[in-house]
Amino acid sequence: MIAITRSKCGIPISDVYFAQSIDTHPLPSPLCFFQQTSQKHPLFKAVQTSIVDLTKPLEEISAPISKNTRYKIQRAEREGFTPRLTTTPSVEEASLYAHYYDVFARHKGLPTCNRAKLKALCLSSALLLSSISSSEGDLLAAHAYVKDDSLGRVRLLYSASHFRGMSDSAERNKVGRANRLLHWYEILTLKNIGLRIYDLGGIPLDSSDAAKNSIAQFKLEFGGTPLVEYSGFLPTNLIGRVLLPLARRGV
């Protein structure tokens, strides 16, 4: 389990990842956000993810990966893309990642990076960053993960792609190949250093959002196993109960 404390709009919030049981007593904030706990709670919603078991032999990990994805990974390797992974990034590196993601997010009309959360994860040694560059040195894609060393689990938090020229199909395809190679590089590297669970992040439980379904299909190309867990806010005191409606609205 990972527990970090951050502030949003002046409200202290404790983020708790991968808890095996729900216990708010040791947490210092009036509000706690439990993310992907295995335990149900009336205030929590079911969330789905896709995980790759890194303890399996490499042949078993690679076998379910789609043929098209394997081809794109191999082509990206031939194109000379350079992936990198940092298991203990500095606060400065986290800030640089946040800037890169925010430019991508504004271009895509997405919410910007939660910098307070990213910094808190970094200071707790619970952040992992990765990136991939072209043979010319252009940054094509970058990922940020929550890292729980005690569980041997990493979970995709943010994924950003090179945003220039995305209207050009050749450029989009190039970025797509680079992104797939980066995921595969992460799987190989994290397995080699002894981590056990590679969590690709959210997979929608319903099929009404075409954009989210497209992202889900991309994640499922890596042959992971769907897993349903539970996420939601819990108040720890009277102040937290008052603030709970605001937190649910995304404060």
C-alpha atoms as a PDB file:
ATOM      1  CA  MET A   1       0.000   0.000   0.000  1.00  0.00           C
ATOM      2  CA  ILE A   2       1.107   3.571  -0.717  1.00  0.00           C
ATOM      3  CA  ALA A   3      -0.249   6.580   1.187  1.00  0.00           C
ATOM      4  CA  ILE A   4       0.624  10.157   0.253  1.00  0.00           C
ATOM      5  CA  THR A   5      -0.757  13.482   1.447  1.00  0.00           C
ATOM      6  CA  ARG A   6      -1.409  16.416  -0.859  1.00  0.00           C
ATOM      7  CA  SER A   7      -3.492  19.573  -0.880  1.00  0.00           C
ATOM      8  CA  LYS A   8      -6.023  20.636  -3.497  1.00  0.00           C
ATOM      9  CA  CYS A   9      -7.844  23.970  -3.263  1.00  0.00           C
ATOM     10  CA  GLY A  10      -6.584  24.143   0.319  1.00  0.00           C
ATOM     11  CA  ILE A  11      -8.134  20.783   1.211  1.00  0.00           C
ATOM     12  CA  PRO A  12      -5.712  18.145   2.598  1.00  0.00           C
ATOM     13  CA  ILE A  13      -6.274  14.797   0.893  1.00  0.00           C
ATOM     14  CA  SER A  14      -4.617  11.449   1.539  1.00  0.00           C
ATOM     15  CA  ASP A  15      -4.308   9.215  -1.522  1.00  0.00           C
ATOM     16  CA  VAL A  16      -4.092   5.513  -0.722  1.00  0.00           C
ATOM     17  CA  TYR A  17      -3.181   3.051  -3.467  1.00  0.00           C
ATOM     18  CA  PHE A  18      -3.701  -0.717  -3.510  1.00  0.00           C
ATOM     19  CA  ALA A  19      -4.908  -1.086   0.092  1.00  0.00           C
ATOM     20  CA  GLN A  20      -5.800  -4.623   1.114  1.00  0.00           C
ATOM     21  CA  SER A  21      -8.153  -3.301   3.815  1.00  0.00           C
ATOM     22  CA  ILE A  22      -9.881   0.017   4.481  1.00  0.00           C
ATOM     23  CA  ASP A  23      -8.453   1.825   7.485  1.00  0.00           C
ATOM     24  CA  THR A  24      -8.527   5.623   7.738  1.00  0.00           C
ATOM     25  CA  HIS A  25      -7.322   5.945  11.345  1.00  0.00           C
ATOM     26  CA  PRO A  26      -3.588   6.418  10.698  1.00  0.00           C
ATOM     27  CA  LEU A  27      -4.176   8.933   7.897  1.00  0.00           C
ATOM     28  CA  PRO A  28      -3.752  12.660   8.692  1.00  0.00           C
ATOM     29  CA  SER A  29      -6.258  14.200   6.265  1.00  0.00           C
ATOM     30  CA  PRO A  30     -10.023  14.767   6.641  1.00  0.00           C
ATOM     31  CA  LEU A  31     -10.505  13.070   3.277  1.00  0.00           C
ATOM     32  CA  CYS A  32      -8.917   9.897   1.941  1.00  0.00           C
ATOM     33  CA  PHE A  33      -9.104   8.717  -1.631  1.00  0.00           C
ATOM     34  CA  PHE A  34      -8.712   4.957  -1.840  1.00  0.00           C
ATOM     35  CA  GLN A  35      -7.594   3.924  -5.306  1.00  0.00           C
ATOM     36  CA  GLN A  36      -7.862   0.332  -6.468  1.00  0.00           C
ATOM     37  CA  THR A  37      -8.468  -1.372  -3.165  1.00  0.00           C
ATOM     38  CA  SER A  38      -9.576  -4.990  -3.213  1.00  0.00           C
ATOM     39  CA  GLN A  39     -12.277  -4.303  -0.613  1.00  0.00           C
ATOM     40  CA  LYS A  40     -15.785  -3.144  -1.449  1.00  0.00           C
ATOM     41  CA  HIS A  41     -17.388  -0.179   0.318  1.00  0.00           C
ATOM     42  CA  PRO A  42     -20.781   1.554  -0.140  1.00  0.00           C
ATOM     43  CA  LEU A  43     -19.032   4.834  -1.071  1.00  0.00           C
ATOM     44  CA  PHE A  44     -16.689   3.202  -3.597  1.00  0.00           C
ATOM     45  CA  LYS A  45     -17.197   2.535  -7.287  1.00  0.00           C
ATOM     46  CA  ALA A  46     -15.996  -0.523  -9.144  1.00  0.00           C
ATOM     47  CA  VAL A  47     -13.066   0.221 -11.442  1.00  0.00           C
ATOM     48  CA  GLN A  48     -11.444  -2.060 -13.958  1.00  0.00           C
ATOM     49  CA  THR A  49      -7.833  -2.320 -15.024  1.00  0.00           C
ATOM     50  CA  SER A  50      -5.619  -4.695 -16.993  1.00  0.00           C
ATOM     51  CA  ILE A  51      -2.593  -6.268 -15.326  1.00  0.00           C
ATOM     52  CA  VAL A  52       0.362  -8.230 -16.645  1.00  0.00           C
ATOM     53  CA  ASP A  53       1.824 -10.822 -14.272  1.00  0.00           C
ATOM     54  CA  LEU A  54       5.560 -10.161 -14.425  1.00  0.00           C
ATOM     55  CA  THR A  55       6.360 -13.296 -12.417  1.00  0.00           C
ATOM     56  CA  LYS A  56       5.457 -15.473 -15.396  1.00  0.00           C
ATOM     57  CA  PRO A  57       8.141 -16.661 -17.814  1.00  0.00           C
ATOM     58  CA  LEU A  58       8.791 -14.143 -20.590  1.00  0.00           C
ATOM     59  CA  GLU A  59       7.362 -16.518 -23.200  1.00  0.00           C
ATOM     60  CA  GLU A  60       4.028 -16.588 -21.321  1.00  0.00           C
ATOM     61  CA  ILE A  61       3.997 -12.809 -20.979  1.00  0.00           C
ATOM     62  CA  SER A  62       4.631 -12.196 -24.681  1.00  0.00           C
ATOM     63  CA  ALA A  63       2.360 -14.952 -26.064  1.00  0.00           C
ATOM     64  CA  PRO A  64      -0.997 -13.095 -25.574  1.00  0.00           C
ATOM     65  CA  ILE A  65       0.302  -9.855 -27.123  1.00  0.00           C
ATOM     66  CA  SER A  66      -1.521  -9.241 -30.393  1.00  0.00           C
ATOM     67  CA  LYS A  67       0.290 -10.007 -33.636  1.00  0.00           C
ATOM     68  CA  ASN A  68      -0.148  -6.424 -34.834  1.00  0.00           C
ATOM     69  CA  THR A  69       1.370  -5.049 -31.617  1.00  0.00           C
ATOM     70  CA  ARG A  70       4.363  -7.398 -31.830  1.00  0.00           C
ATOM     71  CA  TYR A  71       4.977  -6.250 -35.404  1.00  0.00           C
ATOM     72  CA  LYS A  72       4.849  -2.584 -34.389  1.00  0.00           C
ATOM     73  CA  ILE A  73       7.226  -3.178 -31.471  1.00  0.00           C
ATOM     74  CA  GLN A  74       9.718  -4.943 -33.739  1.00  0.00           C
ATOM     75  CA  ARG A  75       9.465  -2.190 -36.333  1.00  0.00           C
ATOM     76  CA  ALA A  76      10.034   0.472 -33.662  1.00  0.00           C
ATOM     77  CA  GLU A  77      13.155  -1.385 -32.550  1.00  0.00           C
ATOM     78  CA  ARG A  78      14.468  -1.361 -36.124  1.00  0.00           C
ATOM     79  CA  GLU A  79      13.755   2.383 -36.364  1.00  0.00           C
ATOM     80  CA  GLY A  80      16.215   3.025 -33.562  1.00  0.00           C
ATOM     81  CA  PHE A  81      13.885   4.506 -30.953  1.00  0.00           C
ATOM     82  CA  THR A  82      15.504   4.910 -27.519  1.00  0.00           C
ATOM     83  CA  PRO A  83      13.423   4.044 -24.432  1.00  0.00           C
ATOM     84  CA  ARG A  84      14.432   5.133 -20.926  1.00  0.00           C
ATOM     85  CA  LEU A  85      13.101   4.336 -17.472  1.00  0.00           C
ATOM     86  CA  THR A  86      13.824   6.035 -14.130  1.00  0.00           C
ATOM     87  CA  THR A  87      12.704   4.225 -10.975  1.00  0.00           C
ATOM     88  CA  THR A  88      13.696   7.065  -8.605  1.00  0.00           C
ATOM     89  CA  PRO A  89      13.131  10.361 -10.432  1.00  0.00           C
ATOM     90  CA  SER A  90      13.992  13.684  -8.836  1.00  0.00           C
ATOM     91  CA  VAL A  91      11.448  16.414  -8.106  1.00  0.00           C
ATOM     92  CA  GLU A  92      12.917  18.347 -11.030  1.00  0.00           C
ATOM     93  CA  GLU A  93      12.383  15.383 -13.371  1.00  0.00           C
ATOM     94  CA  ALA A  94       8.812  15.060 -12.119  1.00  0.00           C
ATOM     95  CA  SER A  95       8.260  18.754 -12.836  1.00  0.00           C
ATOM     96  CA  LEU A  96       9.650  18.398 -16.363  1.00  0.00           C
ATOM     97  CA  TYR A  97       7.320  15.451 -16.949  1.00  0.00           C
ATOM     98  CA  ALA A  98       4.345  17.490 -15.688  1.00  0.00           C
ATOM     99  CA  HIS A  99       5.197  20.280 -18.131  1.00  0.00           C
ATOM    100  CA  TYR A 100       5.408  17.818 -21.050  1.00  0.00           C
ATOM    101  CA  TYR A 101       2.113  16.218 -20.068  1.00  0.00           C
ATOM    102  CA  ASP A 102       0.334  19.564 -19.630  1.00  0.00           C
ATOM    103  CA  VAL A 103       1.203  20.658 -23.193  1.00  0.00           C
ATOM    104  CA  PHE A 104      -0.120  17.329 -24.463  1.00  0.00           C
ATOM    105  CA  ALA A 105      -3.262  17.619 -22.293  1.00  0.00           C
ATOM    106  CA  ARG A 106      -4.090  21.137 -23.492  1.00  0.00           C
ATOM    107  CA  HIS A 107      -3.664  20.011 -27.097  1.00  0.00           C
ATOM    108  CA  LYS A 108      -6.048  17.104 -26.474  1.00  0.00           C
ATOM    109  CA  GLY A 109      -8.532  18.994 -24.298  1.00  0.00           C
ATOM    110  CA  LEU A 110      -7.705  16.880 -21.229  1.00  0.00           C
ATOM    111  CA  PRO A 111      -7.228  17.935 -17.584  1.00  0.00           C
ATOM    112  CA  THR A 112      -3.673  18.947 -16.807  1.00  0.00           C
ATOM    113  CA  CYS A 113      -1.334  16.952 -14.585  1.00  0.00           C
ATOM    114  CA  ASN A 114      -1.981  16.887 -10.841  1.00  0.00           C
ATOM    115  CA  ARG A 115       1.391  18.345  -9.883  1.00  0.00           C
ATOM    116  CA  ALA A 116       0.797  18.092  -6.136  1.00  0.00           C
ATOM    117  CA  LYS A 117       0.140  14.369  -6.462  1.00  0.00           C
ATOM    118  CA  LEU A 118       3.138  13.841  -8.739  1.00  0.00           C
ATOM    119  CA  LYS A 119       5.453  15.674  -6.328  1.00  0.00           C
ATOM    120  CA  ALA A 120       4.103  13.797  -3.300  1.00  0.00           C
ATOM    121  CA  LEU A 121       4.629  10.470  -5.060  1.00  0.00           C
ATOM    122  CA  CYS A 122       8.142  11.522  -6.006  1.00  0.00           C
ATOM    123  CA  LEU A 123       9.034  12.511  -2.436  1.00  0.00           C
ATOM    124  CA  SER A 124       7.656   9.150  -1.229  1.00  0.00           C
ATOM    125  CA  SER A 125       9.819   7.207  -3.738  1.00  0.00           C
ATOM    126  CA  ALA A 126       6.550   6.009  -5.276  1.00  0.00           C
ATOM    127  CA  LEU A 127       6.943   7.510  -8.757  1.00  0.00           C
ATOM    128  CA  LEU A 128       8.403   5.932 -11.880  1.00  0.00           C
ATOM    129  CA  LEU A 129       8.969   7.846 -15.129  1.00  0.00           C
ATOM    130  CA  SER A 130       9.723   6.569 -18.613  1.00  0.00           C
ATOM    131  CA  SER A 131      10.118   8.071 -22.060  1.00  0.00           C
ATOM    132  CA  ILE A 132      11.054   7.184 -25.616  1.00  0.00           C
ATOM    133  CA  SER A 133      12.849   9.277 -28.233  1.00  0.00           C
ATOM    134  CA  SER A 134      13.317   9.001 -31.983  1.00  0.00           C
ATOM    135  CA  SER A 135      16.714   8.316 -33.538  1.00  0.00           C
ATOM    136  CA  GLU A 136      16.938  12.093 -34.051  1.00  0.00           C
ATOM    137  CA  GLY A 137      16.453  12.699 -30.320  1.00  0.00           C
ATOM    138  CA  ASP A 138      12.839  13.951 -30.428  1.00  0.00           C
ATOM    139  CA  LEU A 139      10.761  12.944 -27.423  1.00  0.00           C
ATOM    140  CA  LEU A 140       7.829  10.900 -28.751  1.00  0.00           C
ATOM    141  CA  ALA A 141       6.051   9.585 -25.646  1.00  0.00           C
ATOM    142  CA  ALA A 142       6.396   9.568 -21.873  1.00  0.00           C
ATOM    143  CA  HIS A 143       4.694   7.694 -19.040  1.00  0.00           C
ATOM    144  CA  ALA A 144       4.330   8.250 -15.289  1.00  0.00           C
ATOM    145  CA  TYR A 145       3.582   5.346 -12.928  1.00  0.00           C
ATOM    146  CA  VAL A 146       2.673   4.898  -9.288  1.00  0.00           C
ATOM    147  CA  LYS A 147       5.209   2.441  -7.863  1.00  0.00           C
ATOM    148  CA  ASP A 148       4.582   0.260  -4.809  1.00  0.00           C
ATOM    149  CA  ASP A 149       7.798  -1.566  -3.964  1.00  0.00           C
ATOM    150  CA  SER A 150       6.188  -3.555  -1.151  1.00  0.00           C
ATOM    151  CA  LEU A 151       3.659  -5.105  -3.553  1.00  0.00           C
ATOM    152  CA  GLY A 152       5.976  -5.067  -6.556  1.00  0.00           C
ATOM    153  CA  ARG A 153       3.288  -3.203  -8.495  1.00  0.00           C
ATOM    154  CA  VAL A 154       3.390  -0.276 -10.886  1.00  0.00           C
ATOM    155  CA  ARG A 155       0.267   1.432 -12.190  1.00  0.00           C
ATOM    156  CA  LEU A 156       0.047   3.796 -15.169  1.00  0.00           C
ATOM    157  CA  LEU A 157      -0.899   7.255 -13.952  1.00  0.00           C
ATOM    158  CA  TYR A 158      -0.255   9.491 -16.989  1.00  0.00           C
ATOM    159  CA  SER A 159       0.609   8.799 -20.603  1.00  0.00           C
ATOM    160  CA  ALA A 160       1.555  11.592 -23.002  1.00  0.00           C
ATOM    161  CA  SER A 161       2.552  11.408 -26.663  1.00  0.00           C
ATOM    162  CA  HIS A 162       4.457  13.721 -28.977  1.00  0.00           C
ATOM    163  CA  PHE A 163       1.783  16.229 -29.981  1.00  0.00           C
ATOM    164  CA  ARG A 164       3.259  17.979 -33.018  1.00  0.00           C
ATOM    165  CA  GLY A 165       2.045  16.834 -36.404  1.00  0.00           C
ATOM    166  CA  MET A 166      -0.631  14.536 -34.987  1.00  0.00           C
ATOM    167  CA  SER A 167      -2.870  15.384 -37.932  1.00  0.00           C
ATOM    168  CA  ASP A 168      -0.354  13.538 -40.124  1.00  0.00           C
ATOM    169  CA  SER A 169      -1.103   9.810 -40.250  1.00  0.00           C
ATOM    170  CA  ALA A 170       2.542   8.801 -40.716  1.00  0.00           C
ATOM    171  CA  GLU A 171       3.491  10.785 -37.607  1.00  0.00           C
ATOM    172  CA  ARG A 172       0.625   9.293 -35.596  1.00  0.00           C
ATOM    173  CA  ASN A 173       1.646   5.786 -36.624  1.00  0.00           C
ATOM    174  CA  LYS A 174       5.253   6.492 -35.686  1.00  0.00           C
ATOM    175  CA  VAL A 175       4.205   7.705 -32.236  1.00  0.00           C
ATOM    176  CA  GLY A 176       1.943   4.662 -31.843  1.00  0.00           C
ATOM    177  CA  ARG A 177       4.856   2.312 -32.575  1.00  0.00           C
ATOM    178  CA  ALA A 178       7.084   4.200 -30.161  1.00  0.00           C
ATOM    179  CA  ASN A 179       4.451   4.034 -27.438  1.00  0.00           C
ATOM    180  CA  ARG A 180       4.069   0.278 -27.849  1.00  0.00           C
ATOM    181  CA  LEU A 181       7.819  -0.222 -27.698  1.00  0.00           C
ATOM    182  CA  LEU A 182       7.959   1.877 -24.526  1.00  0.00           C
ATOM    183  CA  HIS A 183       5.335  -0.326 -22.847  1.00  0.00           C
ATOM    184  CA  TRP A 184       7.211  -3.462 -23.877  1.00  0.00           C
ATOM    185  CA  TYR A 185      10.504  -2.013 -22.641  1.00  0.00           C
ATOM    186  CA  GLU A 186       8.844  -1.237 -19.307  1.00  0.00           C
ATOM    187  CA  ILE A 187       7.540  -4.789 -19.017  1.00  0.00           C
ATOM    188  CA  LEU A 188      10.989  -6.252 -19.698  1.00  0.00           C
ATOM    189  CA  THR A 189      12.857  -3.846 -17.427  1.00  0.00           C
ATOM    190  CA  LEU A 190      10.451  -4.052 -14.501  1.00  0.00           C
ATOM    191  CA  LYS A 191      10.387  -7.838 -14.694  1.00  0.00           C
ATOM    192  CA  ASN A 192      14.187  -7.906 -14.657  1.00  0.00           C
ATOM    193  CA  ILE A 193      14.396  -5.744 -11.512  1.00  0.00           C
ATOM    194  CA  GLY A 194      11.938  -7.964  -9.667  1.00  0.00           C
ATOM    195  CA  LEU A 195       8.596  -6.168  -9.843  1.00  0.00           C
ATOM    196  CA  ARG A 196       5.576  -8.418 -10.049  1.00  0.00           C
ATOM    197  CA  ILE A 197       2.518  -6.550 -11.402  1.00  0.00           C
ATOM    198  CA  TYR A 198       2.378  -4.229 -14.419  1.00  0.00           C
ATOM    199  CA  ASP A 199      -0.906  -2.319 -14.236  1.00  0.00           C
ATOM    200  CA  LEU A 200      -1.938  -0.560 -17.450  1.00  0.00           C
ATOM    201  CA  GLY A 201      -4.516   1.626 -15.725  1.00  0.00           C
ATOM    202  CA  GLY A 202      -8.214   2.176 -16.323  1.00  0.00           C
ATOM    203  CA  ILE A 203     -10.320  -0.017 -18.591  1.00  0.00           C
ATOM    204  CA  PRO A 204     -13.958   1.229 -18.787  1.00  0.00           C
ATOM    205  CA  LEU A 205     -16.631  -1.049 -17.413  1.00  0.00           C
ATOM    206  CA  ASP A 206     -19.149   0.195 -20.010  1.00  0.00           C
ATOM    207  CA  SER A 207     -18.767   0.675 -23.751  1.00  0.00           C
ATOM    208  CA  SER A 208     -20.532   4.020 -24.246  1.00  0.00           C
ATOM    209  CA  ASP A 209     -17.398   6.194 -24.582  1.00  0.00           C
ATOM    210  CA  ALA A 210     -15.695   5.586 -27.932  1.00  0.00           C
ATOM    211  CA  ALA A 211     -12.509   7.463 -27.003  1.00  0.00           C
ATOM    212  CA  LYS A 212     -12.058   5.533 -23.763  1.00  0.00           C
ATOM    213  CA  ASN A 213     -12.784   2.272 -25.547  1.00  0.00           C
ATOM    214  CA  SER A 214     -10.067   3.038 -28.077  1.00  0.00           C
ATOM    215  CA  ILE A 215      -7.554   3.535 -25.246  1.00  0.00           C
ATOM    216  CA  ALA A 216      -8.789   0.349 -23.590  1.00  0.00           C
ATOM    217  CA  GLN A 217      -8.270  -1.618 -26.788  1.00  0.00           C
ATOM    218  CA  PHE A 218      -4.707  -0.317 -26.958  1.00  0.00           C
ATOM    219  CA  LYS A 219      -4.044  -1.508 -23.400  1.00  0.00           C
ATOM    220  CA  LEU A 220      -5.632  -4.894 -23.996  1.00  0.00           C
ATOM    221  CA  GLU A 221      -3.299  -5.473 -26.960  1.00  0.00           C
ATOM    222  CA  PHE A 222      -0.641  -6.353 -24.378  1.00  0.00           C
ATOM    223  CA  GLY A 223      -2.538  -9.448 -23.283  1.00  0.00           C
ATOM    224  CA  GLY A 224      -3.159  -8.427 -19.672  1.00  0.00           C
ATOM    225  CA  THR A 225      -5.786  -9.902 -17.393  1.00  0.00           C
ATOM    226  CA  PRO A 226      -8.802  -7.698 -16.552  1.00  0.00           C
ATOM    227  CA  LEU A 227      -9.088  -6.963 -12.828  1.00  0.00           C
ATOM    228  CA  VAL A 228     -11.958  -5.232 -11.000  1.00  0.00           C
ATOM    229  CA  GLU A 229     -11.101  -3.244  -7.869  1.00  0.00           C
ATOM    230  CA  TYR A 230     -12.761  -0.372  -5.964  1.00  0.00           C
ATOM    231  CA  SER A 231     -12.037   3.346  -5.641  1.00  0.00           C
ATOM    232  CA  GLY A 232     -13.601   6.273  -3.794  1.00  0.00           C
ATOM    233  CA  PHE A 233     -13.401   8.969  -1.139  1.00  0.00           C
ATOM    234  CA  LEU A 234     -13.835   8.319   2.572  1.00  0.00           C
ATOM    235  CA  PRO A 235     -14.070  11.028   5.253  1.00  0.00           C
ATOM    236  CA  THR A 236     -12.035  10.510   8.430  1.00  0.00           C
ATOM    237  CA  ASN A 237     -13.833  13.088  10.584  1.00  0.00           C
ATOM    238  CA  LEU A 238     -16.666  15.634  10.606  1.00  0.00           C
ATOM    239  CA  ILE A 239     -14.738  18.080   8.397  1.00  0.00           C
ATOM    240  CA  GLY A 240     -14.222  15.309   5.870  1.00  0.00           C
ATOM    241  CA  ARG A 241     -17.934  14.510   5.821  1.00  0.00           C
ATOM    242  CA  VAL A 242     -18.679  18.170   5.069  1.00  0.00           C
ATOM    243  CA  LEU A 243     -16.074  18.245   2.288  1.00  0.00           C
ATOM    244  CA  LEU A 244     -17.065  14.914   0.758  1.00  0.00           C
ATOM    245  CA  PRO A 245     -19.593  16.339  -1.776  1.00  0.00           C
ATOM    246  CA  LEU A 246     -16.944  18.776  -3.027  1.00  0.00           C
ATOM    247  CA  ALA A 247     -14.394  15.983  -3.403  1.00  0.00           C
ATOM    248  CA  ARG A 248     -16.839  13.902  -5.412  1.00  0.00           C
ATOM    249  CA  ARG A 249     -17.264  16.832  -7.811  1.00  0.00           C
ATOM    250  CA  GLY A 250     -13.558  16.753  -8.523  1.00  0.00           C
ATOM    251  CA  VAL A 251     -12.170  19.337  -6.126  1.00  0.00           C
END
